[in-house]
Amino acid sequence: MKKSSKILAGVVGGIVFLLVVFYIVSYDNEAEIADNENGGVEVAEVATTTNPFTLPEPGDQLDGARFNVPGGAGEIKLKKGVVDFATAGNSSGTVAYLSANTIEIETDIQAYLAAPVAVDSGGTGNFLYLVLYEKTATGFNQLNDVLLGDRVVLLSLVVDESYNNPRVLATILERELDEPLAAEPTVEKVLTFELADGELVSIPTPYGQ
């Protein structure tokens, strides 16, 4: 009996050993197949892009909108880049619409766009304006404009809607007071405008600038 028990135990042990080896080999083969299918890396989750379309910039909405050139020089239709216009005395001027810097402003009752537009009337000046448009059922209507400066550089344009009346902060580069306008603008300055009664109104900058 003892001899038979030893033989039976040996057979059972051998079967168990073979099952363990078979399991290990099968697991390694499956892991290798998975690695090969995933480029050698086991991927638990794959991120996919479900929307292949890019949204238009806010400024694209003003393509074709009417712009009254300050100083009574006439009216043009905005488009990205530069538009020529005729000035008094048969001279020419240009309007440069900075569409990429246009921002959206929303209140409880109305949507607006604030658009930076540079105007060169043929002289030495190049005046940068911030132009306010309101959204209507048929497009956008110009409400007013404020001057940011002559031959200045616009660094950023942001809206702060934490106030009762939204505020627009325009960061520009200008010159020292004693520098000529021909000098390169290097002085950073923040200009603040409040949206009140459908107009942009200049107010003191609240951030100590």
C-alpha atoms as a PDB file:
ATOM      1  CA  MET A   1       0.000   0.000   0.000  1.00  0.00           C
ATOM      2  CA  LYS A   2       2.794   2.363   0.845  1.00  0.00           C
ATOM      3  CA  LYS A   3       4.436   1.681  -2.491  1.00  0.00           C
ATOM      4  CA  SER A   4       1.167   2.277  -4.372  1.00  0.00           C
ATOM      5  CA  SER A   5       0.588   5.513  -2.465  1.00  0.00           C
ATOM      6  CA  LYS A   6       4.018   6.777  -3.417  1.00  0.00           C
ATOM      7  CA  ILE A   7       3.390   5.915  -7.081  1.00  0.00           C
ATOM      8  CA  LEU A   8      -0.022   7.669  -7.026  1.00  0.00           C
ATOM      9  CA  ALA A   9       1.444  10.728  -5.346  1.00  0.00           C
ATOM     10  CA  GLY A  10       4.165  10.870  -7.949  1.00  0.00           C
ATOM     11  CA  VAL A  11       1.666  10.676 -10.784  1.00  0.00           C
ATOM     12  CA  VAL A  12      -0.506  13.420  -9.268  1.00  0.00           C
ATOM     13  CA  GLY A  13       2.542  15.600  -8.669  1.00  0.00           C
ATOM     14  CA  GLY A  14       3.624  15.141 -12.257  1.00  0.00           C
ATOM     15  CA  ILE A  15       0.207  16.119 -13.564  1.00  0.00           C
ATOM     16  CA  VAL A  16       0.145  19.246 -11.402  1.00  0.00           C
ATOM     17  CA  PHE A  17       3.643  20.187 -12.597  1.00  0.00           C
ATOM     18  CA  LEU A  18       2.615  19.782 -16.242  1.00  0.00           C
ATOM     19  CA  LEU A  19      -0.502  21.928 -15.688  1.00  0.00           C
ATOM     20  CA  VAL A  20       1.592  24.706 -14.103  1.00  0.00           C
ATOM     21  CA  VAL A  21       4.095  24.648 -16.967  1.00  0.00           C
ATOM     22  CA  PHE A  22       1.273  24.710 -19.528  1.00  0.00           C
ATOM     23  CA  TYR A  23      -0.331  27.716 -17.793  1.00  0.00           C
ATOM     24  CA  ILE A  24       2.923  29.650 -17.680  1.00  0.00           C
ATOM     25  CA  VAL A  25       3.712  28.974 -21.342  1.00  0.00           C
ATOM     26  CA  SER A  26       0.160  29.909 -22.428  1.00  0.00           C
ATOM     27  CA  TYR A  27       0.252  33.157 -20.396  1.00  0.00           C
ATOM     28  CA  ASP A  28       3.617  34.179 -21.867  1.00  0.00           C
ATOM     29  CA  ASN A  29       2.400  33.495 -25.413  1.00  0.00           C
ATOM     30  CA  GLU A  30      -0.753  35.586 -24.897  1.00  0.00           C
ATOM     31  CA  ALA A  31       1.268  38.436 -23.369  1.00  0.00           C
ATOM     32  CA  GLU A  32       3.714  38.332 -26.279  1.00  0.00           C
ATOM     33  CA  ILE A  33       0.860  38.479 -28.806  1.00  0.00           C
ATOM     34  CA  ALA A  34      -0.698  41.427 -26.954  1.00  0.00           C
ATOM     35  CA  ASP A  35       2.649  43.252 -26.841  1.00  0.00           C
ATOM     36  CA  ASN A  36       3.185  42.719 -30.565  1.00  0.00           C
ATOM     37  CA  GLU A  37      -0.300  43.988 -31.391  1.00  0.00           C
ATOM     38  CA  ASN A  38       0.227  47.114 -29.258  1.00  0.00           C
ATOM     39  CA  GLY A  39       3.682  47.903 -30.576  1.00  0.00           C
ATOM     40  CA  GLY A  40       5.432  46.263 -27.622  1.00  0.00           C
ATOM     41  CA  VAL A  41       3.454  48.235 -25.011  1.00  0.00           C
ATOM     42  CA  GLU A  42       0.308  47.089 -23.252  1.00  0.00           C
ATOM     43  CA  VAL A  43      -2.293  49.797 -23.860  1.00  0.00           C
ATOM     44  CA  ALA A  44      -5.063  50.080 -21.298  1.00  0.00           C
ATOM     45  CA  GLU A  45      -6.872  53.045 -22.871  1.00  0.00           C
ATOM     46  CA  VAL A  46      -6.599  54.931 -26.132  1.00  0.00           C
ATOM     47  CA  ALA A  47      -7.524  58.627 -26.389  1.00  0.00           C
ATOM     48  CA  THR A  48      -9.263  59.533 -29.626  1.00  0.00           C
ATOM     49  CA  THR A  49     -10.353  62.824 -31.181  1.00  0.00           C
ATOM     50  CA  THR A  50     -14.051  62.717 -31.926  1.00  0.00           C
ATOM     51  CA  ASN A  51     -14.282  66.270 -33.367  1.00  0.00           C
ATOM     52  CA  PRO A  52     -11.870  66.744 -36.292  1.00  0.00           C
ATOM     53  CA  PHE A  53     -13.155  70.273 -37.003  1.00  0.00           C
ATOM     54  CA  THR A  54     -11.530  73.423 -35.645  1.00  0.00           C
ATOM     55  CA  LEU A  55     -13.713  76.233 -34.308  1.00  0.00           C
ATOM     56  CA  PRO A  56     -13.402  79.644 -35.965  1.00  0.00           C
ATOM     57  CA  GLU A  57     -11.689  82.461 -34.091  1.00  0.00           C
ATOM     58  CA  PRO A  58     -13.979  85.155 -32.642  1.00  0.00           C
ATOM     59  CA  GLY A  59     -12.556  87.645 -35.124  1.00  0.00           C
ATOM     60  CA  ASP A  60     -13.703  85.573 -38.092  1.00  0.00           C
ATOM     61  CA  GLN A  61     -17.264  86.621 -37.288  1.00  0.00           C
ATOM     62  CA  LEU A  62     -16.489  90.200 -38.336  1.00  0.00           C
ATOM     63  CA  ASP A  63     -15.454  89.253 -41.847  1.00  0.00           C
ATOM     64  CA  GLY A  64     -17.440  91.650 -44.033  1.00  0.00           C
ATOM     65  CA  ALA A  65     -18.699  93.795 -41.133  1.00  0.00           C
ATOM     66  CA  ARG A  66     -18.898  97.533 -41.802  1.00  0.00           C
ATOM     67  CA  PHE A  67     -16.274  99.756 -40.170  1.00  0.00           C
ATOM     68  CA  ASN A  68     -16.578 103.534 -40.034  1.00  0.00           C
ATOM     69  CA  VAL A  69     -13.054 104.890 -40.329  1.00  0.00           C
ATOM     70  CA  PRO A  70     -12.495 107.505 -37.570  1.00  0.00           C
ATOM     71  CA  GLY A  71     -12.226 111.106 -38.712  1.00  0.00           C
ATOM     72  CA  GLY A  72     -14.969 110.829 -41.308  1.00  0.00           C
ATOM     73  CA  ALA A  73     -12.710 109.108 -43.828  1.00  0.00           C
ATOM     74  CA  GLY A  74     -15.466 106.776 -44.985  1.00  0.00           C
ATOM     75  CA  GLU A  75     -16.666 103.234 -44.493  1.00  0.00           C
ATOM     76  CA  ILE A  76     -15.099  99.922 -45.440  1.00  0.00           C
ATOM     77  CA  LYS A  77     -15.824  96.231 -44.912  1.00  0.00           C
ATOM     78  CA  LEU A  78     -13.472  94.467 -42.542  1.00  0.00           C
ATOM     79  CA  LYS A  79     -11.475  91.447 -43.552  1.00  0.00           C
ATOM     80  CA  LYS A  80      -8.344  89.780 -42.224  1.00  0.00           C
ATOM     81  CA  GLY A  81      -5.273  91.808 -43.104  1.00  0.00           C
ATOM     82  CA  VAL A  82      -5.141  95.178 -44.842  1.00  0.00           C
ATOM     83  CA  VAL A  83      -7.897  97.025 -46.728  1.00  0.00           C
ATOM     84  CA  ASP A  84      -7.279 100.176 -48.780  1.00  0.00           C
ATOM     85  CA  PHE A  85      -9.608 103.156 -48.660  1.00  0.00           C
ATOM     86  CA  ALA A  86      -9.756 106.598 -50.242  1.00  0.00           C
ATOM     87  CA  THR A  87      -9.336 109.692 -48.094  1.00  0.00           C
ATOM     88  CA  ALA A  88     -10.119 113.345 -48.712  1.00  0.00           C
ATOM     89  CA  GLY A  89      -8.065 114.919 -51.473  1.00  0.00           C
ATOM     90  CA  ASN A  90      -7.840 111.664 -53.425  1.00  0.00           C
ATOM     91  CA  SER A  91      -5.119 110.317 -51.163  1.00  0.00           C
ATOM     92  CA  SER A  92      -5.194 106.731 -49.954  1.00  0.00           C
ATOM     93  CA  GLY A  93      -5.217 105.077 -46.560  1.00  0.00           C
ATOM     94  CA  THR A  94      -5.191 101.576 -45.147  1.00  0.00           C
ATOM     95  CA  VAL A  95      -7.076  99.705 -42.446  1.00  0.00           C
ATOM     96  CA  ALA A  96      -5.446  96.679 -40.812  1.00  0.00           C
ATOM     97  CA  TYR A  97      -7.833  94.412 -38.930  1.00  0.00           C
ATOM     98  CA  LEU A  98      -6.096  92.360 -36.171  1.00  0.00           C
ATOM     99  CA  SER A  99      -8.654  89.560 -36.229  1.00  0.00           C
ATOM    100  CA  ALA A 100      -6.620  87.132 -34.088  1.00  0.00           C
ATOM    101  CA  ASN A 101      -6.799  89.555 -31.129  1.00  0.00           C
ATOM    102  CA  THR A 102     -10.559  90.094 -31.238  1.00  0.00           C
ATOM    103  CA  ILE A 103     -12.365  89.107 -28.020  1.00  0.00           C
ATOM    104  CA  GLU A 104     -15.946  88.217 -27.135  1.00  0.00           C
ATOM    105  CA  ILE A 105     -17.868  89.992 -24.362  1.00  0.00           C
ATOM    106  CA  GLU A 106     -21.172  88.680 -23.087  1.00  0.00           C
ATOM    107  CA  THR A 107     -23.687  90.209 -20.705  1.00  0.00           C
ATOM    108  CA  ASP A 108     -27.018  88.855 -19.551  1.00  0.00           C
ATOM    109  CA  ILE A 109     -28.802  90.496 -22.455  1.00  0.00           C
ATOM    110  CA  GLN A 110     -26.253  91.134 -25.221  1.00  0.00           C
ATOM    111  CA  ALA A 111     -23.184  89.679 -26.974  1.00  0.00           C
ATOM    112  CA  TYR A 112     -20.353  91.911 -28.234  1.00  0.00           C
ATOM    113  CA  LEU A 113     -17.015  91.724 -30.014  1.00  0.00           C
ATOM    114  CA  ALA A 114     -14.115  94.079 -29.269  1.00  0.00           C
ATOM    115  CA  ALA A 115     -11.814  94.297 -32.293  1.00  0.00           C
ATOM    116  CA  PRO A 116      -8.411  96.023 -32.637  1.00  0.00           C
ATOM    117  CA  VAL A 117      -8.128  97.938 -35.912  1.00  0.00           C
ATOM    118  CA  ALA A 118      -5.140 100.007 -37.079  1.00  0.00           C
ATOM    119  CA  VAL A 119      -5.756 102.998 -39.370  1.00  0.00           C
ATOM    120  CA  ASP A 120      -3.141 104.711 -41.539  1.00  0.00           C
ATOM    121  CA  SER A 121      -4.583 107.757 -43.258  1.00  0.00           C
ATOM    122  CA  GLY A 122      -1.527 108.399 -45.400  1.00  0.00           C
ATOM    123  CA  GLY A 123       0.454 110.542 -42.963  1.00  0.00           C
ATOM    124  CA  THR A 124       3.106 109.543 -40.460  1.00  0.00           C
ATOM    125  CA  GLY A 125       0.647 108.241 -37.889  1.00  0.00           C
ATOM    126  CA  ASN A 126      -0.643 104.700 -37.532  1.00  0.00           C
ATOM    127  CA  PHE A 127      -3.509 104.786 -35.056  1.00  0.00           C
ATOM    128  CA  LEU A 128      -4.665 101.674 -33.246  1.00  0.00           C
ATOM    129  CA  TYR A 129      -8.331 101.616 -32.216  1.00  0.00           C
ATOM    130  CA  LEU A 130     -10.403  99.236 -30.163  1.00  0.00           C
ATOM    131  CA  VAL A 131     -13.768  98.948 -31.918  1.00  0.00           C
ATOM    132  CA  LEU A 132     -16.910  97.656 -30.221  1.00  0.00           C
ATOM    133  CA  TYR A 133     -19.495  95.650 -32.161  1.00  0.00           C
ATOM    134  CA  GLU A 134     -22.820  94.313 -30.973  1.00  0.00           C
ATOM    135  CA  LYS A 135     -24.274  91.062 -32.254  1.00  0.00           C
ATOM    136  CA  THR A 136     -27.612  91.421 -34.042  1.00  0.00           C
ATOM    137  CA  ALA A 137     -29.960  89.069 -35.840  1.00  0.00           C
ATOM    138  CA  THR A 138     -28.344  89.989 -39.166  1.00  0.00           C
ATOM    139  CA  GLY A 139     -24.675  90.293 -38.176  1.00  0.00           C
ATOM    140  CA  PHE A 140     -22.612  92.805 -36.217  1.00  0.00           C
ATOM    141  CA  ASN A 141     -23.177  96.524 -35.785  1.00  0.00           C
ATOM    142  CA  GLN A 142     -20.398  98.987 -34.864  1.00  0.00           C
ATOM    143  CA  LEU A 143     -21.175 100.939 -31.690  1.00  0.00           C
ATOM    144  CA  ASN A 144     -18.078 102.996 -30.883  1.00  0.00           C
ATOM    145  CA  ASP A 145     -14.288 103.027 -30.925  1.00  0.00           C
ATOM    146  CA  VAL A 146     -11.546 104.125 -28.506  1.00  0.00           C
ATOM    147  CA  LEU A 147      -7.973 105.056 -29.355  1.00  0.00           C
ATOM    148  CA  LEU A 148      -5.217 102.817 -27.981  1.00  0.00           C
ATOM    149  CA  GLY A 149      -2.376 104.927 -29.333  1.00  0.00           C
ATOM    150  CA  ASP A 150      -0.299 106.085 -32.278  1.00  0.00           C
ATOM    151  CA  ARG A 151       2.306 103.591 -33.531  1.00  0.00           C
ATOM    152  CA  VAL A 152       1.921 101.337 -30.495  1.00  0.00           C
ATOM    153  CA  VAL A 153       2.225  97.560 -30.280  1.00  0.00           C
ATOM    154  CA  LEU A 154      -0.665  95.472 -28.970  1.00  0.00           C
ATOM    155  CA  LEU A 155       0.556  92.673 -26.698  1.00  0.00           C
ATOM    156  CA  SER A 156      -2.748  91.277 -25.432  1.00  0.00           C
ATOM    157  CA  LEU A 157      -6.443  91.956 -25.168  1.00  0.00           C
ATOM    158  CA  VAL A 158      -8.494  90.286 -22.421  1.00  0.00           C
ATOM    159  CA  VAL A 159     -11.926  90.709 -20.860  1.00  0.00           C
ATOM    160  CA  ASP A 160     -12.649  90.725 -17.122  1.00  0.00           C
ATOM    161  CA  GLU A 161     -16.292  89.820 -16.508  1.00  0.00           C
ATOM    162  CA  SER A 162     -16.042  89.782 -12.708  1.00  0.00           C
ATOM    163  CA  TYR A 163     -17.405  93.347 -12.550  1.00  0.00           C
ATOM    164  CA  ASN A 164     -21.029  94.412 -12.935  1.00  0.00           C
ATOM    165  CA  ASN A 165     -19.954  96.058 -16.188  1.00  0.00           C
ATOM    166  CA  PRO A 166     -17.367  93.932 -18.062  1.00  0.00           C
ATOM    167  CA  ARG A 167     -13.935  95.478 -18.476  1.00  0.00           C
ATOM    168  CA  VAL A 168     -11.462  95.114 -21.320  1.00  0.00           C
ATOM    169  CA  LEU A 169      -7.744  95.274 -20.583  1.00  0.00           C
ATOM    170  CA  ALA A 170      -5.453  96.142 -23.471  1.00  0.00           C
ATOM    171  CA  THR A 171      -1.722  95.679 -22.848  1.00  0.00           C
ATOM    172  CA  ILE A 172       0.386  97.737 -25.250  1.00  0.00           C
ATOM    173  CA  LEU A 173       3.947  98.875 -25.784  1.00  0.00           C
ATOM    174  CA  GLU A 174       4.386 102.652 -26.029  1.00  0.00           C
ATOM    175  CA  ARG A 175       7.205 105.166 -25.476  1.00  0.00           C
ATOM    176  CA  GLU A 176       8.457 107.333 -22.653  1.00  0.00           C
ATOM    177  CA  LEU A 177       6.834 110.769 -22.519  1.00  0.00           C
ATOM    178  CA  ASP A 178      10.014 112.484 -23.755  1.00  0.00           C
ATOM    179  CA  GLU A 179      10.613 110.033 -26.612  1.00  0.00           C
ATOM    180  CA  PRO A 180       9.701 110.905 -30.203  1.00  0.00           C
ATOM    181  CA  LEU A 181       6.968 108.884 -31.913  1.00  0.00           C
ATOM    182  CA  ALA A 182       9.582 107.569 -34.324  1.00  0.00           C
ATOM    183  CA  ALA A 183      11.277 105.708 -31.452  1.00  0.00           C
ATOM    184  CA  GLU A 184      10.626 102.014 -30.963  1.00  0.00           C
ATOM    185  CA  PRO A 185       7.879 101.410 -28.364  1.00  0.00           C
ATOM    186  CA  THR A 186       9.293  99.534 -25.365  1.00  0.00           C
ATOM    187  CA  VAL A 187       7.241 100.746 -22.375  1.00  0.00           C
ATOM    188  CA  GLU A 188       4.494  98.331 -21.326  1.00  0.00           C
ATOM    189  CA  LYS A 189       1.188  99.877 -20.332  1.00  0.00           C
ATOM    190  CA  VAL A 190      -2.281  98.515 -19.515  1.00  0.00           C
ATOM    191  CA  LEU A 191      -5.321 100.447 -20.724  1.00  0.00           C
ATOM    192  CA  THR A 192      -8.692  99.633 -19.146  1.00  0.00           C
ATOM    193  CA  PHE A 193     -12.107 100.166 -20.694  1.00  0.00           C
ATOM    194  CA  GLU A 194     -15.525  99.539 -19.199  1.00  0.00           C
ATOM    195  CA  LEU A 195     -18.473  98.358 -21.236  1.00  0.00           C
ATOM    196  CA  ALA A 196     -21.327 100.633 -20.164  1.00  0.00           C
ATOM    197  CA  ASP A 197     -24.569 101.479 -22.008  1.00  0.00           C
ATOM    198  CA  GLY A 198     -23.307  99.847 -25.183  1.00  0.00           C
ATOM    199  CA  GLU A 199     -20.012 101.751 -25.297  1.00  0.00           C
ATOM    200  CA  LEU A 200     -16.385 101.216 -24.310  1.00  0.00           C
ATOM    201  CA  VAL A 201     -15.371 103.931 -21.843  1.00  0.00           C
ATOM    202  CA  SER A 202     -11.801 104.532 -20.671  1.00  0.00           C
ATOM    203  CA  ILE A 203     -11.307 104.241 -16.900  1.00  0.00           C
ATOM    204  CA  PRO A 204      -8.240 104.297 -14.631  1.00  0.00           C
ATOM    205  CA  THR A 205      -6.483 100.947 -14.676  1.00  0.00           C
ATOM    206  CA  PRO A 206      -7.286  99.209 -11.355  1.00  0.00           C
ATOM    207  CA  TYR A 207      -4.082  97.231 -11.065  1.00  0.00           C
ATOM    208  CA  GLY A 208      -1.635  99.978 -10.166  1.00  0.00           C
ATOM    209  CA  GLN A 209      -0.292 100.361 -13.671  1.00  0.00           C
END
